[in-house]
Protein backbone atom coordinates (compact mmCIF):
# COMPACT_ATOMS: atom_id res chain seq x y z
CA UNK A 1 38.54 10.40 -17.41
CA UNK A 2 37.49 7.01 -16.01
CA UNK A 3 34.68 8.01 -13.66
CA UNK A 4 33.92 5.17 -11.25
CA UNK A 5 30.61 3.79 -10.03
CA UNK A 6 31.66 4.60 -6.47
CA UNK A 7 31.97 8.26 -7.42
CA UNK A 8 28.55 8.25 -9.06
CA UNK A 9 27.02 6.53 -6.05
CA UNK A 10 28.61 9.02 -3.64
CA UNK A 11 27.34 11.96 -5.68
CA UNK A 12 23.74 10.71 -6.00
CA UNK A 13 23.61 9.69 -2.34
CA UNK A 14 24.76 13.15 -1.22
CA UNK A 15 21.99 14.68 -3.34
CA UNK A 16 19.35 12.22 -2.07
CA UNK A 17 20.27 12.53 1.60
CA UNK A 18 20.96 16.25 1.52
CA UNK A 19 24.41 16.28 3.10
CA UNK A 20 27.86 14.71 2.99
CA UNK A 21 27.46 13.58 6.60
CA UNK A 22 24.19 11.75 5.91
CA UNK A 23 25.62 10.20 2.74
CA UNK A 24 28.67 8.96 4.64
CA UNK A 25 26.44 7.32 7.24
CA UNK A 26 24.20 5.81 4.54
CA UNK A 27 27.15 4.37 2.60
CA UNK A 28 29.04 3.41 5.77
CA UNK A 29 32.03 5.55 4.82
CA UNK A 30 33.82 8.45 6.45
CA UNK A 31 32.79 12.05 5.89
CA UNK A 32 36.26 12.91 4.63
CA UNK A 33 36.15 9.94 2.26
CA UNK A 34 32.88 11.08 0.68
CA UNK A 35 34.21 14.64 0.42
CA UNK A 36 37.37 13.45 -1.35
CA UNK A 37 35.31 11.30 -3.72
CA UNK A 38 33.18 14.29 -4.70
CA UNK A 39 36.32 16.36 -5.20
CA UNK A 40 37.80 13.74 -7.54
CA UNK A 41 34.56 13.54 -9.52
CA UNK A 42 34.39 17.31 -9.97
CA UNK A 43 38.07 17.40 -10.94
CA UNK A 44 37.53 14.75 -13.60
CA UNK A 45 34.53 16.61 -14.98
CA UNK A 46 36.29 19.96 -14.61
CA UNK A 47 33.11 21.52 -13.24
CA UNK A 48 31.34 22.20 -9.94
CA UNK A 49 28.44 19.84 -9.30
CA UNK A 50 27.42 20.98 -5.82
CA UNK A 51 27.48 24.45 -4.35
CA UNK A 52 28.31 24.26 -0.66
CA UNK A 53 26.60 26.82 1.61
CA UNK A 54 26.75 27.07 5.39
CA UNK A 55 23.44 25.26 5.76
CA UNK A 56 23.07 22.86 2.84
CA UNK A 57 24.29 21.65 -0.53
CA UNK A 58 22.70 22.88 -3.74
CA UNK A 59 23.02 21.41 -7.22
CA UNK A 60 24.54 23.65 -9.86
CA UNK A 61 22.98 23.64 -13.30
CA UNK A 62 25.75 21.31 -14.47
CA UNK A 63 25.18 19.14 -11.40
CA UNK A 64 21.49 18.76 -12.15
CA UNK A 65 22.26 17.71 -15.74
CA UNK A 66 24.91 15.23 -14.61
CA UNK A 67 22.66 13.84 -11.85
CA UNK A 68 20.15 12.53 -14.39
CA UNK A 69 22.89 10.74 -16.34
CA UNK A 70 24.50 9.39 -13.17
CA UNK A 71 21.22 7.89 -12.00
CA UNK A 72 20.60 6.36 -15.42
CA UNK A 73 24.03 4.69 -15.31
CA UNK A 74 23.51 3.34 -11.79
CA UNK A 75 20.04 2.11 -12.70
CA UNK A 76 21.37 0.30 -15.76
CA UNK A 77 24.06 -1.42 -13.70
CA UNK A 78 21.48 -2.38 -11.08
CA UNK A 79 19.19 -3.73 -13.79
CA UNK A 80 22.02 -5.81 -15.25
CA UNK A 81 22.69 -7.30 -11.82
CA UNK A 82 18.99 -8.06 -11.40
CA UNK A 83 18.84 -9.79 -14.76
CA UNK A 84 21.67 -12.07 -13.73
CA UNK A 85 19.91 -12.75 -10.44
CA UNK A 86 16.68 -13.62 -12.23
CA UNK A 87 18.58 -16.27 -14.15
CA UNK A 88 19.43 -17.82 -10.79
CA UNK A 89 15.87 -17.25 -9.52
CA UNK A 90 17.20 -15.24 -6.60
CA UNK A 91 16.03 -11.62 -6.39
CA UNK A 92 18.81 -9.40 -5.04
CA UNK A 93 19.51 -5.75 -4.39
CA UNK A 94 18.22 -2.89 -2.30
CA UNK A 95 14.44 -2.45 -2.08
CA UNK A 96 13.08 0.86 -0.80
CA UNK A 97 9.56 0.55 0.59
CA UNK A 98 7.44 3.51 1.72
CA UNK A 99 4.20 3.38 3.72
CA UNK A 100 2.28 5.41 6.27
CA UNK A 101 3.40 4.66 9.83
CA UNK A 102 0.31 2.59 10.82
CA UNK A 103 0.54 0.36 7.75
CA UNK A 104 4.29 -0.02 8.23
CA UNK A 105 3.95 -0.96 11.91
CA UNK A 106 0.87 -3.18 11.79
CA UNK A 107 1.11 -4.82 8.37
CA UNK A 108 4.59 -4.71 6.87
CA UNK A 109 6.87 -5.06 9.93
CA UNK A 110 5.18 -8.24 11.29
CA UNK A 111 5.71 -9.91 7.90
CA UNK A 112 9.33 -8.92 7.31
CA UNK A 113 10.80 -12.00 9.02
CA UNK A 114 8.95 -14.34 6.65
CA UNK A 115 9.95 -12.29 3.61
CA UNK A 116 13.64 -12.22 4.58
CA UNK A 117 13.66 -15.95 5.16
CA UNK A 118 12.33 -16.51 1.65
CA UNK A 119 14.41 -13.78 -0.05
CA UNK A 120 17.58 -13.31 2.02
CA UNK A 121 19.48 -11.40 -0.68
CA UNK A 122 16.99 -8.51 -0.87
CA UNK A 123 18.21 -5.57 1.23
CA UNK A 124 15.23 -3.70 2.67
CA UNK A 125 14.93 0.01 3.39
CA UNK A 126 11.64 0.79 5.17
CA UNK A 127 10.53 4.41 5.24
CA UNK A 128 7.42 5.84 6.94
CA UNK A 129 5.69 8.99 5.73
CA UNK A 130 2.27 10.32 6.70
CA UNK A 131 1.94 12.28 3.45
CA UNK A 132 2.26 11.32 -0.21
CA UNK A 133 5.83 10.53 -1.22
CA UNK A 134 7.30 11.41 -4.61
CA UNK A 135 8.71 8.02 -5.59
CA UNK A 136 11.23 9.41 -8.08
CA UNK A 137 12.51 12.16 -5.80
CA UNK A 138 12.92 9.82 -2.84
CA UNK A 139 14.27 6.94 -4.97
CA UNK A 140 11.47 4.69 -3.69
CA UNK A 141 10.75 1.36 -5.37
CA UNK A 142 7.33 0.64 -3.84
CA UNK A 143 4.86 2.70 -1.86
CA UNK A 144 1.76 1.30 -0.19
CA UNK A 145 -1.17 3.69 -0.47
CA UNK A 146 -4.42 3.46 1.48
CA UNK A 147 -7.59 4.79 -0.16
CA UNK A 148 -8.24 6.23 -3.64
CA UNK A 149 -5.22 6.81 -5.86
CA UNK A 150 -4.75 10.32 -7.25
CA UNK A 151 -1.43 10.12 -9.14
CA UNK A 152 -2.25 8.83 -12.63
CA UNK A 153 1.45 8.52 -13.52
CA UNK A 154 1.86 5.59 -11.12
CA UNK A 155 1.26 1.95 -11.85
CA UNK A 156 -0.66 0.18 -9.12
CA UNK A 157 -1.41 -3.34 -8.04
CA UNK A 158 -4.27 -4.01 -5.61
CA UNK A 159 -3.04 -5.67 -2.42
CA UNK A 160 -6.28 -5.88 -0.45
CA UNK A 161 -8.97 -3.92 1.36
CA UNK A 162 -9.56 -2.92 4.96
CA UNK A 163 -12.86 -1.98 6.57
CA UNK A 164 -13.43 1.21 8.54
CA UNK A 165 -14.97 0.93 12.03
CA UNK A 166 -15.92 3.17 14.94
CA UNK A 167 -14.03 2.14 18.06
CA UNK A 168 -13.48 3.12 21.67
CA UNK A 169 -11.81 1.64 24.74
CA UNK A 170 -13.89 -0.10 27.43
CA UNK A 171 -12.66 2.50 29.94
CA UNK A 172 -13.97 5.36 27.80
CA UNK A 173 -17.34 3.67 27.25
CA UNK A 174 -17.71 2.99 30.96
CA UNK A 175 -17.07 6.64 31.69
CA UNK A 176 -18.99 8.29 28.82
CA UNK A 177 -21.57 5.70 27.81
CA UNK A 178 -22.03 3.74 24.59
CA UNK A 179 -23.56 5.54 21.59
CA UNK A 180 -26.32 3.62 19.83
CA UNK A 181 -26.89 5.87 16.81
CA UNK A 182 -25.21 8.69 14.91
CA UNK A 183 -27.06 11.40 16.85
CA UNK A 184 -25.53 10.11 20.11
CA UNK A 185 -22.01 10.95 18.91
CA UNK A 186 -22.68 14.65 19.51
CA UNK A 187 -22.22 14.11 23.22
CA UNK A 188 -18.90 12.26 22.92
CA UNK A 189 -15.22 13.09 22.52
CA UNK A 190 -14.33 12.41 18.89
CA UNK A 191 -10.83 11.68 17.60
CA UNK A 192 -10.11 12.54 13.97
CA UNK A 193 -7.60 13.60 11.35
CA UNK A 194 -6.14 17.00 10.57
CA UNK A 195 -5.88 15.96 6.91
CA UNK A 196 -7.11 14.77 4.56
CA UNK A 197 -10.55 15.97 5.59
CA UNK A 198 -12.15 12.96 3.85
CA UNK A 199 -10.91 10.75 6.71
CA UNK A 200 -13.32 12.56 9.03
CA UNK A 201 -16.25 11.14 7.07
CA UNK A 202 -17.37 8.22 9.21
CA UNK A 203 -19.23 5.14 7.90
CA UNK A 204 -22.51 5.77 9.72
CA UNK A 205 -25.59 7.48 8.32
CA UNK A 206 -26.25 10.98 9.59
CA UNK A 207 -29.57 12.78 9.80
CA UNK A 208 -29.56 13.38 6.03
CA UNK A 209 -28.90 9.67 5.39
CA UNK A 210 -25.39 10.44 4.12
CA UNK A 211 -22.13 9.29 5.76
CA UNK A 212 -21.54 11.39 8.87
CA UNK A 213 -18.88 14.12 8.70
CA UNK A 214 -17.43 14.83 12.15
CA UNK A 215 -15.50 17.71 13.69
CA UNK A 216 -12.90 16.05 15.93
CA UNK A 217 -12.31 17.26 19.47
CA UNK A 218 -8.73 15.99 19.15
CA UNK A 219 -7.13 15.87 15.69
CA UNK A 220 -3.88 14.36 14.47
CA UNK A 221 -2.14 13.77 11.13
CA UNK A 222 -1.23 10.24 12.24
CA UNK A 223 -3.59 7.30 12.47
CA UNK A 224 -1.21 5.66 14.93
CA UNK A 225 -1.46 8.68 17.23
CA UNK A 226 -5.26 8.45 17.08
CA UNK A 227 -5.10 4.74 17.87
CA UNK A 228 -2.97 5.42 20.93
CA UNK A 229 -5.38 8.16 22.07
CA UNK A 230 -8.31 5.76 21.72
CA UNK A 231 -6.46 3.07 23.70
CA UNK A 232 -5.80 5.68 26.39
CA UNK A 233 -9.54 6.32 26.71
CA UNK A 234 -9.58 9.78 25.13
CA UNK A 235 -12.57 9.22 22.88
CA UNK A 236 -14.17 7.53 19.88
CA UNK A 237 -12.15 6.99 16.73
CA UNK A 238 -12.75 5.72 13.20
CA UNK A 239 -9.86 3.59 11.99
CA UNK A 240 -9.13 0.94 9.40
CA UNK A 241 -9.15 -2.72 10.42
CA UNK A 242 -5.52 -3.30 9.42
CA UNK A 243 -4.28 -1.26 12.39
CA UNK A 244 -6.79 -2.38 15.03
CA UNK A 245 -7.18 -6.14 14.49
CA UNK A 246 -5.03 -7.05 17.51
CA UNK A 247 -6.71 -4.40 19.69
CA UNK A 248 -10.16 -5.73 18.86
CA UNK A 249 -9.10 -9.33 19.43
CA UNK A 250 -7.76 -8.47 22.88
CA UNK A 251 -10.77 -6.34 23.72
CA UNK A 252 -8.70 -3.17 24.12
CA UNK A 253 -10.85 -1.43 21.50
CA UNK A 254 -14.56 -2.19 21.10
CA UNK A 255 -16.46 -1.77 17.80
CA UNK A 256 -19.43 0.59 18.12
CA UNK A 257 -22.82 0.82 16.39
CA UNK A 258 -22.15 -2.39 14.46
CA UNK A 259 -25.69 -2.74 13.10
CA UNK A 260 -25.78 0.80 11.72
CA UNK A 261 -22.18 0.99 10.46
CA UNK A 262 -21.87 1.04 6.68
CA UNK A 263 -19.57 -1.50 5.05
CA UNK A 264 -16.93 0.97 3.85
CA UNK A 265 -13.57 -0.49 2.84
CA UNK A 266 -10.34 1.30 2.05
CA UNK A 267 -8.40 0.00 -0.92
CA UNK A 268 -4.74 -0.94 -0.37
CA UNK A 269 -2.47 -0.59 -3.41
CA UNK A 270 1.21 -1.10 -4.06
CA UNK A 271 2.33 1.66 -6.42
CA UNK A 272 5.50 1.98 -8.48
CA UNK A 273 6.82 3.69 -11.60
CA UNK A 274 8.32 0.79 -13.47
CA UNK A 275 5.85 -0.98 -15.69
CA UNK A 276 7.79 -3.16 -18.10
CA UNK A 277 10.61 -5.47 -17.03
CA UNK A 278 9.61 -4.90 -13.41
CA UNK A 279 12.52 -5.60 -11.10
CA UNK A 280 12.32 -9.06 -9.57
CA UNK A 281 12.88 -7.70 -6.06
CA UNK A 282 9.82 -5.44 -6.48
CA UNK A 283 7.69 -8.25 -7.86
CA UNK A 284 8.61 -10.70 -5.11
CA UNK A 285 7.79 -8.20 -2.33
CA UNK A 286 4.39 -7.29 -3.80
CA UNK A 287 3.58 -10.97 -4.42
CA UNK A 288 4.51 -11.78 -0.82
CA UNK A 289 2.28 -9.03 0.58
CA UNK A 290 -0.67 -10.03 -1.64
CA UNK A 291 -0.39 -13.63 -0.41
CA UNK A 292 -0.06 -12.50 3.22
CA UNK A 293 -3.09 -10.19 3.07
CA UNK A 294 -5.77 -12.62 1.97
CA UNK A 295 -9.42 -11.42 2.17
CA UNK A 296 -10.58 -11.23 5.78
CA UNK A 297 -7.05 -11.01 7.23
CA UNK A 298 -7.89 -8.06 9.46
CA UNK A 299 -11.49 -8.93 10.31
CA UNK A 300 -11.06 -10.69 13.65
């Protein structure tokens, strides 16, 4: 039968990307080449792995069974390569990193040059998602999560913390005035999140002495969108320090109600599924980020 690793890789990539065209682009091959490779694999197995419809590809029952074995084989080969690399103290291989857009843009991207200089043989794939990513489904090695962790099946390593602050642009404050206490916020334009609702709980004490829950006048699922709205003078926002440090340093966003703001900090964790024999490329990336994000990094 002699199934090849290239055939297994083509098959799993088609499944992961959702189409032959996307898999061809990902593997830097031609569409016809990927199609022929799948045909050879199905001929060797004497079964249909993928059912082709006009809109998408669907795994057959046999395809789903074979997919699990194919991934296990590719993972074992990758692990063998990593073990050889560890002997040479040079982490190698593809590293898939997932993070929300603000964390990716403001924390990870500025530190990529230093990481690549230290570990040139690690091939990075950086993916941004505003929601929670299924690491197994998306074949993700590391995801950076902000706030409390809910998935108990994941292993996590604390990376740091980041304080929440109320902020607005000087232009907005000149036009609308500067709030001095929580009650003053009722007369202002508030920028908040569509979900999760917990992000609309701001670190200032309301009339009942509990953290204030706000109803945003403009809501977005993206913290980066809210940051841009605040910079444009559209209102007051509550954001984490990691995405506003440069804005505060330049004076483009001004912290509000500093004396009455509670010291609320969001936890930052690197999460992954592998626990034992953690891949060296995963370890080196997490270690690098922990070193880069020393306490107080974002508090300019």
